[in-house]
Amino acid sequence: MSVLEELEALAQRYAHEAIRYDKAGATGVAIAYYQKAVDALLRMVEIAPDHPLSQVYVEKATAYQERIKALQSLELSLIHI
């Protein structure tokens, strides 16, 4: 298995876990897994910027970063209730 394949598998696993915890309401854990997925996706783009799926990886990483921001905002709003 190549480094890219390993990173892709990791990113998928992290994203799956993030979504699972997100749905369960475990915001902090979901954020951590979303961040791990982002890191793996961006590392893939860093290693192989000309890969045919690089743009897809960047788009997914951006979507996960947006979800992290949304969850962080939710956490802050719950603290102030």
C-alpha atoms as a PDB file:
ATOM      1  CA  MET A   1       0.000   0.000   0.000  1.00  0.00           C
ATOM      2  CA  SER A   2       1.433   3.376  -0.997  1.00  0.00           C
ATOM      3  CA  VAL A   3       1.683   6.351   1.325  1.00  0.00           C
ATOM      4  CA  LEU A   4      -1.177   8.040  -0.519  1.00  0.00           C
ATOM      5  CA  GLU A   5      -3.371   4.958  -0.177  1.00  0.00           C
ATOM      6  CA  GLU A   6      -2.603   4.790   3.532  1.00  0.00           C
ATOM      7  CA  LEU A   7      -3.397   8.470   4.003  1.00  0.00           C
ATOM      8  CA  GLU A   8      -6.606   8.112   2.021  1.00  0.00           C
ATOM      9  CA  ALA A   9      -7.686   5.177   4.183  1.00  0.00           C
ATOM     10  CA  LEU A  10      -6.857   7.166   7.318  1.00  0.00           C
ATOM     11  CA  ALA A  11      -8.764  10.216   6.070  1.00  0.00           C
ATOM     12  CA  GLN A  12     -11.798   8.061   5.320  1.00  0.00           C
ATOM     13  CA  ARG A  13     -11.662   6.394   8.730  1.00  0.00           C
ATOM     14  CA  TYR A  14     -11.254   9.730  10.526  1.00  0.00           C
ATOM     15  CA  ALA A  15     -14.112  11.282   8.546  1.00  0.00           C
ATOM     16  CA  HIS A  16     -16.359   8.313   9.293  1.00  0.00           C
ATOM     17  CA  GLU A  17     -15.602   8.570  13.008  1.00  0.00           C
ATOM     18  CA  ALA A  18     -16.105  12.350  12.950  1.00  0.00           C
ATOM     19  CA  ILE A  19     -19.530  11.973  11.387  1.00  0.00           C
ATOM     20  CA  ARG A  20     -20.471   9.220  13.819  1.00  0.00           C
ATOM     21  CA  TYR A  21     -19.507  11.323  16.842  1.00  0.00           C
ATOM     22  CA  ASP A  22     -21.066  14.432  15.294  1.00  0.00           C
ATOM     23  CA  LYS A  23     -24.398  12.619  14.947  1.00  0.00           C
ATOM     24  CA  ALA A  24     -24.102  11.357  18.525  1.00  0.00           C
ATOM     25  CA  GLY A  25     -23.605  14.899  19.815  1.00  0.00           C
ATOM     26  CA  ALA A  26     -20.023  14.305  20.976  1.00  0.00           C
ATOM     27  CA  THR A  27     -18.869  17.640  19.598  1.00  0.00           C
ATOM     28  CA  GLY A  28     -15.342  17.710  21.006  1.00  0.00           C
ATOM     29  CA  VAL A  29     -14.508  14.229  19.758  1.00  0.00           C
ATOM     30  CA  ALA A  30     -16.090  14.981  16.373  1.00  0.00           C
ATOM     31  CA  ILE A  31     -13.959  18.115  16.030  1.00  0.00           C
ATOM     32  CA  ALA A  32     -10.807  16.133  16.785  1.00  0.00           C
ATOM     33  CA  TYR A  33     -11.631  13.520  14.154  1.00  0.00           C
ATOM     34  CA  TYR A  34     -12.620  16.132  11.568  1.00  0.00           C
ATOM     35  CA  GLN A  35      -9.249  17.815  12.153  1.00  0.00           C
ATOM     36  CA  LYS A  36      -7.403  14.524  11.713  1.00  0.00           C
ATOM     37  CA  ALA A  37      -9.262  13.987   8.429  1.00  0.00           C
ATOM     38  CA  VAL A  38      -8.338  17.505   7.282  1.00  0.00           C
ATOM     39  CA  ASP A  39      -4.690  16.923   8.165  1.00  0.00           C
ATOM     40  CA  ALA A  40      -4.580  13.632   6.249  1.00  0.00           C
ATOM     41  CA  LEU A  41      -6.312  15.107   3.185  1.00  0.00           C
ATOM     42  CA  LEU A  42      -4.031  18.129   3.049  1.00  0.00           C
ATOM     43  CA  ARG A  43      -0.967  15.930   3.547  1.00  0.00           C
ATOM     44  CA  MET A  44      -2.073  13.925   0.499  1.00  0.00           C
ATOM     45  CA  VAL A  45      -2.288  17.095  -1.567  1.00  0.00           C
ATOM     46  CA  GLU A  46       1.101  18.182  -0.267  1.00  0.00           C
ATOM     47  CA  ILE A  47       2.680  14.865  -1.307  1.00  0.00           C
ATOM     48  CA  ALA A  48       0.987  14.639  -4.718  1.00  0.00           C
ATOM     49  CA  PRO A  49      -0.338  18.049  -5.828  1.00  0.00           C
ATOM     50  CA  ASP A  50      -0.845  16.808  -9.402  1.00  0.00           C
ATOM     51  CA  HIS A  51      -2.919  13.794  -8.380  1.00  0.00           C
ATOM     52  CA  PRO A  52      -6.234  13.718 -10.287  1.00  0.00           C
ATOM     53  CA  LEU A  53      -8.196  13.845  -7.012  1.00  0.00           C
ATOM     54  CA  SER A  54      -6.200  16.636  -5.345  1.00  0.00           C
ATOM     55  CA  GLN A  55      -8.944  19.193  -5.900  1.00  0.00           C
ATOM     56  CA  VAL A  56     -11.523  16.824  -4.406  1.00  0.00           C
ATOM     57  CA  TYR A  57      -9.285  16.334  -1.359  1.00  0.00           C
ATOM     58  CA  VAL A  58      -8.973  20.109  -0.908  1.00  0.00           C
ATOM     59  CA  GLU A  59     -12.743  20.523  -1.221  1.00  0.00           C
ATOM     60  CA  LYS A  60     -13.385  17.816   1.373  1.00  0.00           C
ATOM     61  CA  ALA A  61     -10.800  19.325   3.718  1.00  0.00           C
ATOM     62  CA  THR A  62     -12.461  22.726   3.332  1.00  0.00           C
ATOM     63  CA  ALA A  63     -15.892  21.234   4.057  1.00  0.00           C
ATOM     64  CA  TYR A  64     -14.557  19.539   7.192  1.00  0.00           C
ATOM     65  CA  GLN A  65     -12.906  22.792   8.309  1.00  0.00           C
ATOM     66  CA  GLU A  66     -16.244  24.561   7.909  1.00  0.00           C
ATOM     67  CA  ARG A  67     -17.932  21.860   9.986  1.00  0.00           C
ATOM     68  CA  ILE A  68     -15.265  22.285  12.673  1.00  0.00           C
ATOM     69  CA  LYS A  69     -16.016  26.020  12.790  1.00  0.00           C
ATOM     70  CA  ALA A  70     -19.744  25.349  13.026  1.00  0.00           C
ATOM     71  CA  LEU A  71     -19.262  22.871  15.868  1.00  0.00           C
ATOM     72  CA  GLN A  72     -16.943  25.256  17.699  1.00  0.00           C
ATOM     73  CA  SER A  73     -19.573  27.992  17.413  1.00  0.00           C
ATOM     74  CA  LEU A  74     -22.194  25.589  18.724  1.00  0.00           C
ATOM     75  CA  GLU A  75     -19.987  24.703  21.690  1.00  0.00           C
ATOM     76  CA  LEU A  76     -19.478  28.395  22.474  1.00  0.00           C
ATOM     77  CA  SER A  77     -23.179  29.154  22.236  1.00  0.00           C
ATOM     78  CA  LEU A  78     -23.991  26.284  24.614  1.00  0.00           C
ATOM     79  CA  ILE A  79     -21.449  27.560  27.118  1.00  0.00           C
ATOM     80  CA  HIS A  80     -23.167  30.958  27.219  1.00  0.00           C
ATOM     81  CA  ILE A  81     -26.646  29.569  27.849  1.00  0.00           C
END
